[in-house]
Structures are given as structure tokens and as C-alpha cells.
Amino acid sequence: MAFSDIEYRAVPPPPALAEFVESFWMLINHSDDAQPVVIVPDGRIDVFFALSATEPYHVTLLGLQNRPDAQTILPRTTMFAISWRLLAADCLLPVPVADLLDGGCHLPPDFLGMSAEDLRDFDGFCARVAARITPLLPAKIDPRHRRLFDLLYASDGGLTVEALATAAGWSSRQINRYFTRQFGLSLKAYGNILRFRASLPQLREGRLFPEENFADQAHFIREIRKYTGVAPKELARNKNDRFIQLSALPKK
């Protein structure tokens, strides 16, 4: 089975949620066959609301990934999801994200007041979760956090820890302590994931040389291998659509 059997759609959140939510998205496997895939890191924290032909409705929180993860998209799966930005971990997520590095946990099936019935209509799902997140937004946000994450995302991880710390008004030691405690990995490690994510469009186009602040070709190859388990050439070929990054799936 190839991704012709997979329906994927993503929409941005309302502007009031944009600092906390990257997108709402859906993935549906219309086939009766399972799809083995390797999910590669993309720097997002995801909450999945899902059911399939073989599993009942459930809600899962997936923390940050720092390595490739072999998974299977089950037959007749319907999955709606919220992809959170890091700022949400400070105030909107129900469990510590640092404990979920390269892993996840189940959430109560009524998280955000949702149920299996909400998986019938993606547009309705987006409207309902947005309405339920909005009252939970904090009245105040630490300006250092806001500035840090704005720069991280805008630069695709291309700025040094020192540059980020200076711009955010923190010391490098403080900022790294915060990052490790809150997310389970260092600021530098997270920046590397964002830089890897930004390199995927060029790889899909067959451009196998670094364009995203990698030191040289050898560094580029090492980083691609770290996050996918294969060399850039094999990732670009992506035989049978085996490697996916959820934020980079083709939209229909």
C-alpha cells in the first residue's frame, strides 16, 4: 500500500491559538491493509484522537521524538490530532512532556471533552477543540519563553544556544536547564530536529547537499542518519513511502 490509500489534511489554528498550536490535522487509512512506516522527528508534541478496525477509540499524547520510530498505521484507521508548539507544555498539557521523550502515554478518553463521535467530521472537530482550548489559555506568558520559541521556529533551529539565550534574556545555563527539565532534551538537540525538519523539502526534490546551516556534507549525512536511520539518498528515494514526517505528508 502507498500513500494513495492515506488521506491527510491539516489546517492552521485560529490566530488566538497560534502560539500554542501548530495545526489540527487528520489522517485516515482507507485501506484494509496495515501500512508499516518509519516516523521521523519533527519537533512537535501531538495529541491523537483515534480509532481503527482493530482498536477502540482512544486518546494518546506523544512527546518529542529524537530518533526514528517504526510504527504501523492500522487498517481503517481514523486519526484526528492536535500538534502543539512547545509553549503549550508550560500550561496546556496534562502531563510533563519531559517524561515522554521518544514515547507517549494514554490520556482520558474525554480529554478536552471529545469523544469518538467527534471523529465523524474533521471541520467540526477543529472548531470544537479550538473552542475548548481557548478558555484554558494563560493570562500571562513569560516573555523570555515567547521570545525564545519565536526565534527557534523562525530560524528553523539555525541559531546557536548563545544567540538564542542573549535574545531571550537568559543565560545559556538557565535556558538549557529549562529545556531539559521541561522537554527532556537540550535546546541544541531540539534546534537540530528543527533544522532536520527544514531539510526534508529539499530532499524530496532530490537535492542531497546541505542547505540548512549544516557545517558540511559529512555533518548533513550524519544528522539525516541520526533522525531516519538511512543516508540522504535513500531517504530522498523513500521507496514504498516508508519514511514519513507527519507535518510533511502530502495534503489532499
C-alpha atoms as a PDB file:
ATOM      1  CA  MET A   1       0.000   0.000   0.000  1.00  0.00           C
ATOM      2  CA  ALA A   2       1.268   3.501  -0.828  1.00  0.00           C
ATOM      3  CA  PHE A   3       0.032   6.857   0.359  1.00  0.00           C
ATOM      4  CA  SER A   4      -2.666   6.846  -2.317  1.00  0.00           C
ATOM      5  CA  ASP A   5      -4.615   4.958   0.369  1.00  0.00           C
ATOM      6  CA  ILE A   6      -3.863   7.575   3.033  1.00  0.00           C
ATOM      7  CA  GLU A   7      -5.908  10.749   3.296  1.00  0.00           C
ATOM      8  CA  TYR A   8      -4.156  13.586   5.117  1.00  0.00           C
ATOM      9  CA  ARG A   9      -5.338  17.110   5.770  1.00  0.00           C
ATOM     10  CA  ALA A  10      -4.035  19.860   8.038  1.00  0.00           C
ATOM     11  CA  VAL A  11      -5.417  23.270   8.945  1.00  0.00           C
ATOM     12  CA  PRO A  12      -3.920  26.122  10.977  1.00  0.00           C
ATOM     13  CA  PRO A  13      -5.486  27.068  14.306  1.00  0.00           C
ATOM     14  CA  PRO A  14      -7.340  30.327  14.901  1.00  0.00           C
ATOM     15  CA  PRO A  15      -4.878  33.232  15.371  1.00  0.00           C
ATOM     16  CA  ALA A  16      -5.525  33.361  19.128  1.00  0.00           C
ATOM     17  CA  LEU A  17      -4.128  29.820  19.453  1.00  0.00           C
ATOM     18  CA  ALA A  18      -1.194  30.126  17.046  1.00  0.00           C
ATOM     19  CA  GLU A  19       1.460  30.484  19.766  1.00  0.00           C
ATOM     20  CA  PHE A  20       0.342  27.216  21.326  1.00  0.00           C
ATOM     21  CA  VAL A  21      -0.980  25.094  18.453  1.00  0.00           C
ATOM     22  CA  GLU A  22       0.848  24.491  15.183  1.00  0.00           C
ATOM     23  CA  SER A  23      -2.025  22.761  13.421  1.00  0.00           C
ATOM     24  CA  PHE A  24      -5.019  20.468  13.587  1.00  0.00           C
ATOM     25  CA  TRP A  25      -4.743  17.513  11.237  1.00  0.00           C
ATOM     26  CA  MET A  26      -6.356  14.259  10.212  1.00  0.00           C
ATOM     27  CA  LEU A  27      -5.006  11.012   8.801  1.00  0.00           C
ATOM     28  CA  ILE A  28      -7.289   8.267   7.506  1.00  0.00           C
ATOM     29  CA  ASN A  29      -6.143   4.879   6.219  1.00  0.00           C
ATOM     30  CA  HIS A  30      -8.917   3.872   3.829  1.00  0.00           C
ATOM     31  CA  SER A  31      -7.315   0.501   3.117  1.00  0.00           C
ATOM     32  CA  ASP A  32      -7.949  -2.877   4.718  1.00  0.00           C
ATOM     33  CA  ASP A  33      -4.170  -3.296   4.903  1.00  0.00           C
ATOM     34  CA  ALA A  34      -1.767  -2.100   7.575  1.00  0.00           C
ATOM     35  CA  GLN A  35       0.908   0.371   6.492  1.00  0.00           C
ATOM     36  CA  PRO A  36       4.367  -0.072   8.076  1.00  0.00           C
ATOM     37  CA  VAL A  37       6.140   3.289   8.313  1.00  0.00           C
ATOM     38  CA  VAL A  38       9.074   4.974   9.985  1.00  0.00           C
ATOM     39  CA  ILE A  39       8.001   8.218  11.637  1.00  0.00           C
ATOM     40  CA  VAL A  40      10.889  10.656  11.864  1.00  0.00           C
ATOM     41  CA  PRO A  41      11.243  13.564  14.327  1.00  0.00           C
ATOM     42  CA  ASP A  42       9.590  16.889  13.513  1.00  0.00           C
ATOM     43  CA  GLY A  43       9.759  18.861  16.767  1.00  0.00           C
ATOM     44  CA  ARG A  44       6.041  18.648  17.557  1.00  0.00           C
ATOM     45  CA  ILE A  45       4.061  17.415  20.550  1.00  0.00           C
ATOM     46  CA  ASP A  46       0.941  15.608  19.363  1.00  0.00           C
ATOM     47  CA  VAL A  47      -2.352  14.540  20.903  1.00  0.00           C
ATOM     48  CA  PHE A  48      -4.097  11.873  18.825  1.00  0.00           C
ATOM     49  CA  PHE A  49      -7.793  11.026  18.932  1.00  0.00           C
ATOM     50  CA  ALA A  50      -8.074   7.735  17.049  1.00  0.00           C
ATOM     51  CA  LEU A  51      -9.925   4.543  16.304  1.00  0.00           C
ATOM     52  CA  SER A  52      -9.436   1.752  13.770  1.00  0.00           C
ATOM     53  CA  ALA A  53     -10.898  -1.514  12.560  1.00  0.00           C
ATOM     54  CA  THR A  54      -8.971  -3.303  15.317  1.00  0.00           C
ATOM     55  CA  GLU A  55      -8.742  -0.732  18.139  1.00  0.00           C
ATOM     56  CA  PRO A  56     -11.451   1.206  20.002  1.00  0.00           C
ATOM     57  CA  TYR A  57     -11.454   4.972  20.383  1.00  0.00           C
ATOM     58  CA  HIS A  58      -8.504   6.249  22.427  1.00  0.00           C
ATOM     59  CA  VAL A  59      -6.530   9.429  23.088  1.00  0.00           C
ATOM     60  CA  THR A  60      -2.723   9.478  23.142  1.00  0.00           C
ATOM     61  CA  LEU A  61      -0.162  12.163  23.957  1.00  0.00           C
ATOM     62  CA  LEU A  62       3.103  11.741  22.049  1.00  0.00           C
ATOM     63  CA  GLY A  63       6.119  13.655  23.361  1.00  0.00           C
ATOM     64  CA  LEU A  64       9.050  14.939  21.356  1.00  0.00           C
ATOM     65  CA  GLN A  65      10.948  12.420  19.263  1.00  0.00           C
ATOM     66  CA  ASN A  66      14.716  12.399  18.985  1.00  0.00           C
ATOM     67  CA  ARG A  67      15.069   9.270  16.827  1.00  0.00           C
ATOM     68  CA  PRO A  68      13.179   7.383  14.093  1.00  0.00           C
ATOM     69  CA  ASP A  69      10.250   5.285  15.269  1.00  0.00           C
ATOM     70  CA  ALA A  70       8.926   2.245  13.395  1.00  0.00           C
ATOM     71  CA  GLN A  71       5.131   2.196  13.558  1.00  0.00           C
ATOM     72  CA  THR A  72       2.153   0.697  11.744  1.00  0.00           C
ATOM     73  CA  ILE A  73      -0.870   2.614  10.507  1.00  0.00           C
ATOM     74  CA  LEU A  74      -3.614   0.094  11.215  1.00  0.00           C
ATOM     75  CA  PRO A  75      -6.329  -0.822   8.687  1.00  0.00           C
ATOM     76  CA  ARG A  76      -9.304   1.518   8.521  1.00  0.00           C
ATOM     77  CA  THR A  77      -7.750   3.990  10.935  1.00  0.00           C
ATOM     78  CA  THR A  78      -9.226   7.417  11.537  1.00  0.00           C
ATOM     79  CA  MET A  79      -6.961   9.778  13.444  1.00  0.00           C
ATOM     80  CA  PHE A  80      -7.607  13.439  14.262  1.00  0.00           C
ATOM     81  CA  ALA A  81      -4.847  15.296  16.080  1.00  0.00           C
ATOM     82  CA  ILE A  82      -3.625  18.494  17.670  1.00  0.00           C
ATOM     83  CA  SER A  83       0.012  19.393  17.065  1.00  0.00           C
ATOM     84  CA  TRP A  84       1.204  21.620  19.872  1.00  0.00           C
ATOM     85  CA  ARG A  85       4.036  24.106  19.933  1.00  0.00           C
ATOM     86  CA  LEU A  86       6.430  23.961  22.855  1.00  0.00           C
ATOM     87  CA  LEU A  87       4.808  26.884  24.651  1.00  0.00           C
ATOM     88  CA  ALA A  88       1.779  24.653  25.295  1.00  0.00           C
ATOM     89  CA  ALA A  89       3.861  22.403  27.549  1.00  0.00           C
ATOM     90  CA  ASP A  90       4.105  25.236  30.080  1.00  0.00           C
ATOM     91  CA  CYS A  91       0.369  25.477  30.676  1.00  0.00           C
ATOM     92  CA  LEU A  92      -1.942  23.375  28.497  1.00  0.00           C
ATOM     93  CA  LEU A  93      -0.751  19.774  28.552  1.00  0.00           C
ATOM     94  CA  PRO A  94      -1.862  17.471  31.384  1.00  0.00           C
ATOM     95  CA  VAL A  95       1.393  15.538  31.956  1.00  0.00           C
ATOM     96  CA  PRO A  96       5.098  16.525  31.948  1.00  0.00           C
ATOM     97  CA  VAL A  97       6.421  16.319  28.395  1.00  0.00           C
ATOM     98  CA  ALA A  98       9.985  15.651  29.580  1.00  0.00           C
ATOM     99  CA  ASP A  99       8.874  12.201  30.748  1.00  0.00           C
ATOM    100  CA  LEU A 100       7.645  11.353  27.244  1.00  0.00           C
ATOM    101  CA  LEU A 101      10.804  11.823  25.149  1.00  0.00           C
ATOM    102  CA  ASP A 102      10.653   9.193  22.371  1.00  0.00           C
ATOM    103  CA  GLY A 103       7.440   7.900  23.916  1.00  0.00           C
ATOM    104  CA  GLY A 104       3.880   8.696  24.834  1.00  0.00           C
ATOM    105  CA  CYS A 105       1.030   7.996  27.200  1.00  0.00           C
ATOM    106  CA  HIS A 106      -2.710   7.488  27.145  1.00  0.00           C
ATOM    107  CA  LEU A 107      -4.951  10.382  28.132  1.00  0.00           C
ATOM    108  CA  PRO A 108      -8.528  10.126  29.431  1.00  0.00           C
ATOM    109  CA  PRO A 109     -10.901   9.391  26.532  1.00  0.00           C
ATOM    110  CA  ASP A 110     -12.838  12.579  27.331  1.00  0.00           C
ATOM    111  CA  PHE A 111      -9.769  14.830  27.091  1.00  0.00           C
ATOM    112  CA  LEU A 112     -10.953  18.310  26.036  1.00  0.00           C
ATOM    113  CA  GLY A 113     -14.494  16.951  26.130  1.00  0.00           C
ATOM    114  CA  MET A 114     -14.040  14.984  22.902  1.00  0.00           C
ATOM    115  CA  SER A 115     -15.413  11.529  22.013  1.00  0.00           C
ATOM    116  CA  ALA A 116     -15.492   9.008  19.169  1.00  0.00           C
ATOM    117  CA  GLU A 117     -18.437  10.898  17.686  1.00  0.00           C
ATOM    118  CA  ASP A 118     -16.131  13.837  17.006  1.00  0.00           C
ATOM    119  CA  LEU A 119     -14.132  11.727  14.514  1.00  0.00           C
ATOM    120  CA  ARG A 120     -17.000  11.836  12.017  1.00  0.00           C
ATOM    121  CA  ASP A 121     -16.338  15.427  10.914  1.00  0.00           C
ATOM    122  CA  PHE A 122     -12.866  16.968  10.773  1.00  0.00           C
ATOM    123  CA  ASP A 123     -14.028  20.561  10.386  1.00  0.00           C
ATOM    124  CA  GLY A 124     -16.353  20.148  13.349  1.00  0.00           C
ATOM    125  CA  PHE A 125     -13.520  18.589  15.355  1.00  0.00           C
ATOM    126  CA  CYS A 126     -11.276  21.589  14.658  1.00  0.00           C
ATOM    127  CA  ALA A 127     -13.959  24.042  15.727  1.00  0.00           C
ATOM    128  CA  ARG A 128     -14.760  22.150  18.921  1.00  0.00           C
ATOM    129  CA  VAL A 129     -11.189  21.648  20.121  1.00  0.00           C
ATOM    130  CA  ALA A 130     -10.361  25.296  19.373  1.00  0.00           C
ATOM    131  CA  ALA A 131     -13.361  26.397  21.425  1.00  0.00           C
ATOM    132  CA  ARG A 132     -12.296  24.169  24.324  1.00  0.00           C
ATOM    133  CA  ILE A 133      -8.631  25.192  24.288  1.00  0.00           C
ATOM    134  CA  THR A 134      -9.321  28.942  24.169  1.00  0.00           C
ATOM    135  CA  PRO A 135     -10.616  29.288  27.779  1.00  0.00           C
ATOM    136  CA  LEU A 136      -7.532  27.420  29.012  1.00  0.00           C
ATOM    137  CA  LEU A 137      -5.035  29.942  27.616  1.00  0.00           C
ATOM    138  CA  PRO A 138      -2.906  31.598  30.299  1.00  0.00           C
ATOM    139  CA  ALA A 139      -3.473  35.227  31.174  1.00  0.00           C
ATOM    140  CA  LYS A 140       0.286  35.893  31.162  1.00  0.00           C
ATOM    141  CA  ILE A 141       3.217  34.332  29.294  1.00  0.00           C
ATOM    142  CA  ASP A 142       6.835  34.631  30.374  1.00  0.00           C
ATOM    143  CA  PRO A 143       8.280  36.975  27.713  1.00  0.00           C
ATOM    144  CA  ARG A 144      11.556  35.009  27.709  1.00  0.00           C
ATOM    145  CA  HIS A 145       9.690  31.872  26.676  1.00  0.00           C
ATOM    146  CA  ARG A 146       7.752  33.715  23.974  1.00  0.00           C
ATOM    147  CA  ARG A 147      10.885  35.278  22.517  1.00  0.00           C
ATOM    148  CA  LEU A 148      12.825  32.009  22.640  1.00  0.00           C
ATOM    149  CA  PHE A 149      10.204  29.995  20.789  1.00  0.00           C
ATOM    150  CA  ASP A 150       9.562  32.739  18.230  1.00  0.00           C
ATOM    151  CA  LEU A 151      13.258  32.730  17.332  1.00  0.00           C
ATOM    152  CA  LEU A 152      13.550  28.938  17.334  1.00  0.00           C
ATOM    153  CA  TYR A 153      10.717  28.469  14.873  1.00  0.00           C
ATOM    154  CA  ALA A 154      11.607  31.464  12.697  1.00  0.00           C
ATOM    155  CA  SER A 155      15.209  30.289  12.298  1.00  0.00           C
ATOM    156  CA  ASP A 156      14.376  26.573  11.811  1.00  0.00           C
ATOM    157  CA  GLY A 157      16.839  25.820  14.594  1.00  0.00           C
ATOM    158  CA  GLY A 158      19.662  27.630  12.848  1.00  0.00           C
ATOM    159  CA  LEU A 159      20.684  29.945  15.727  1.00  0.00           C
ATOM    160  CA  THR A 160      23.216  28.946  18.371  1.00  0.00           C
ATOM    161  CA  VAL A 161      22.264  28.443  22.006  1.00  0.00           C
ATOM    162  CA  GLU A 162      24.264  31.553  22.868  1.00  0.00           C
ATOM    163  CA  ALA A 163      22.423  33.691  20.316  1.00  0.00           C
ATOM    164  CA  LEU A 164      19.043  32.432  21.496  1.00  0.00           C
ATOM    165  CA  ALA A 165      19.919  32.972  25.148  1.00  0.00           C
ATOM    166  CA  THR A 166      21.070  36.535  24.512  1.00  0.00           C
ATOM    167  CA  ALA A 167      17.961  37.417  22.523  1.00  0.00           C
ATOM    168  CA  ALA A 168      15.636  35.852  25.099  1.00  0.00           C
ATOM    169  CA  GLY A 169      17.363  37.457  28.086  1.00  0.00           C
ATOM    170  CA  TRP A 170      18.556  34.205  29.691  1.00  0.00           C
ATOM    171  CA  SER A 171      21.948  32.740  30.353  1.00  0.00           C
ATOM    172  CA  SER A 172      22.859  29.642  28.340  1.00  0.00           C
ATOM    173  CA  ARG A 173      22.930  27.621  31.556  1.00  0.00           C
ATOM    174  CA  GLN A 174      19.437  28.746  32.587  1.00  0.00           C
ATOM    175  CA  ILE A 175      17.960  28.149  29.174  1.00  0.00           C
ATOM    176  CA  ASN A 176      19.438  24.662  28.892  1.00  0.00           C
ATOM    177  CA  ARG A 177      18.248  23.762  32.389  1.00  0.00           C
ATOM    178  CA  TYR A 178      14.738  24.898  31.492  1.00  0.00           C
ATOM    179  CA  PHE A 179      14.745  22.972  28.228  1.00  0.00           C
ATOM    180  CA  THR A 180      15.989  19.724  29.730  1.00  0.00           C
ATOM    181  CA  ARG A 181      13.574  19.908  32.651  1.00  0.00           C
ATOM    182  CA  GLN A 182      10.572  20.825  30.507  1.00  0.00           C
ATOM    183  CA  PHE A 183      11.122  18.792  27.330  1.00  0.00           C
ATOM    184  CA  GLY A 184      13.627  16.060  28.146  1.00  0.00           C
ATOM    185  CA  LEU A 185      16.358  17.181  25.732  1.00  0.00           C
ATOM    186  CA  SER A 186      18.716  20.101  25.326  1.00  0.00           C
ATOM    187  CA  LEU A 187      17.966  23.269  23.399  1.00  0.00           C
ATOM    188  CA  LYS A 188      20.717  22.380  20.919  1.00  0.00           C
ATOM    189  CA  ALA A 189      19.199  18.932  20.343  1.00  0.00           C
ATOM    190  CA  TYR A 190      15.796  20.473  19.674  1.00  0.00           C
ATOM    191  CA  GLY A 191      17.290  23.014  17.276  1.00  0.00           C
ATOM    192  CA  ASN A 192      18.903  20.144  15.378  1.00  0.00           C
ATOM    193  CA  ILE A 193      15.485  18.495  14.976  1.00  0.00           C
ATOM    194  CA  LEU A 194      14.013  21.705  13.543  1.00  0.00           C
ATOM    195  CA  ARG A 195      16.932  22.025  11.141  1.00  0.00           C
ATOM    196  CA  PHE A 196      16.457  18.408  10.032  1.00  0.00           C
ATOM    197  CA  ARG A 197      12.747  19.040   9.520  1.00  0.00           C
ATOM    198  CA  ALA A 198      13.500  22.085   7.367  1.00  0.00           C
ATOM    199  CA  SER A 199      15.799  19.983   5.154  1.00  0.00           C
ATOM    200  CA  LEU A 200      13.088  17.493   4.136  1.00  0.00           C
ATOM    201  CA  PRO A 201      11.554  19.541   1.287  1.00  0.00           C
ATOM    202  CA  GLN A 202      14.940  19.762  -0.441  1.00  0.00           C
ATOM    203  CA  LEU A 203      15.460  16.001  -0.020  1.00  0.00           C
ATOM    204  CA  ARG A 204      12.047  15.258  -1.528  1.00  0.00           C
ATOM    205  CA  GLU A 205      13.199  17.268  -4.545  1.00  0.00           C
ATOM    206  CA  GLY A 206      16.380  15.192  -4.808  1.00  0.00           C
ATOM    207  CA  ARG A 207      18.791  17.871  -3.590  1.00  0.00           C
ATOM    208  CA  LEU A 208      21.209  15.842  -1.488  1.00  0.00           C
ATOM    209  CA  PHE A 209      23.515  18.588  -0.258  1.00  0.00           C
ATOM    210  CA  PRO A 210      23.152  20.699   2.896  1.00  0.00           C
ATOM    211  CA  GLU A 211      21.145  23.911   2.620  1.00  0.00           C
ATOM    212  CA  GLU A 212      20.023  24.421   6.257  1.00  0.00           C
ATOM    213  CA  ASN A 213      23.035  25.578   8.309  1.00  0.00           C
ATOM    214  CA  PHE A 214      24.840  22.230   8.353  1.00  0.00           C
ATOM    215  CA  ALA A 215      28.603  22.535   8.687  1.00  0.00           C
ATOM    216  CA  ASP A 216      29.391  20.381   5.651  1.00  0.00           C
ATOM    217  CA  GLN A 217      28.238  17.345   3.673  1.00  0.00           C
ATOM    218  CA  ALA A 218      29.530  14.859   6.251  1.00  0.00           C
ATOM    219  CA  HIS A 219      27.628  16.650   9.028  1.00  0.00           C
ATOM    220  CA  PHE A 220      24.476  16.673   6.903  1.00  0.00           C
ATOM    221  CA  ILE A 221      24.712  12.913   6.268  1.00  0.00           C
ATOM    222  CA  ARG A 222      25.288  12.171   9.973  1.00  0.00           C
ATOM    223  CA  GLU A 223      22.253  14.191  11.006  1.00  0.00           C
ATOM    224  CA  ILE A 224      19.994  12.571   8.392  1.00  0.00           C
ATOM    225  CA  ARG A 225      21.150   9.118   9.526  1.00  0.00           C
ATOM    226  CA  LYS A 226      20.545  10.029  13.158  1.00  0.00           C
ATOM    227  CA  TYR A 227      16.916  11.012  12.594  1.00  0.00           C
ATOM    228  CA  THR A 228      15.974   8.447   9.944  1.00  0.00           C
ATOM    229  CA  GLY A 229      18.464   5.557  10.157  1.00  0.00           C
ATOM    230  CA  VAL A 230      19.403   5.933   6.472  1.00  0.00           C
ATOM    231  CA  ALA A 231      21.519   8.149   4.222  1.00  0.00           C
ATOM    232  CA  PRO A 232      20.016  11.195   2.438  1.00  0.00           C
ATOM    233  CA  LYS A 233      19.945   9.345  -0.895  1.00  0.00           C
ATOM    234  CA  GLU A 234      17.762   6.539   0.477  1.00  0.00           C
ATOM    235  CA  LEU A 235      15.520   8.991   2.320  1.00  0.00           C
ATOM    236  CA  ALA A 236      15.018  11.009  -0.880  1.00  0.00           C
ATOM    237  CA  ARG A 237      14.106   7.829  -2.754  1.00  0.00           C
ATOM    238  CA  ASN A 238      11.692   6.795   0.045  1.00  0.00           C
ATOM    239  CA  LYS A 239      10.776   3.505  -1.557  1.00  0.00           C
ATOM    240  CA  ASN A 240       7.162   2.459  -0.881  1.00  0.00           C
ATOM    241  CA  ASP A 241       6.605   5.684   1.086  1.00  0.00           C
ATOM    242  CA  ARG A 242       8.214   4.042   4.109  1.00  0.00           C
ATOM    243  CA  PHE A 243       9.532   7.193   5.789  1.00  0.00           C
ATOM    244  CA  ILE A 244       7.036   9.830   6.868  1.00  0.00           C
ATOM    245  CA  GLN A 245       7.091  13.002   8.845  1.00  0.00           C
ATOM    246  CA  LEU A 246       3.529  13.775   9.815  1.00  0.00           C
ATOM    247  CA  SER A 247       3.977  17.501   9.313  1.00  0.00           C
ATOM    248  CA  ALA A 248       5.308  16.890   5.792  1.00  0.00           C
ATOM    249  CA  LEU A 249       2.767  14.443   4.386  1.00  0.00           C
ATOM    250  CA  PRO A 250       1.216  15.440   1.054  1.00  0.00           C
ATOM    251  CA  LYS A 251      -2.119  17.158   1.601  1.00  0.00           C
ATOM    252  CA  LYS A 252      -5.280  16.166  -0.293  1.00  0.00           C
END
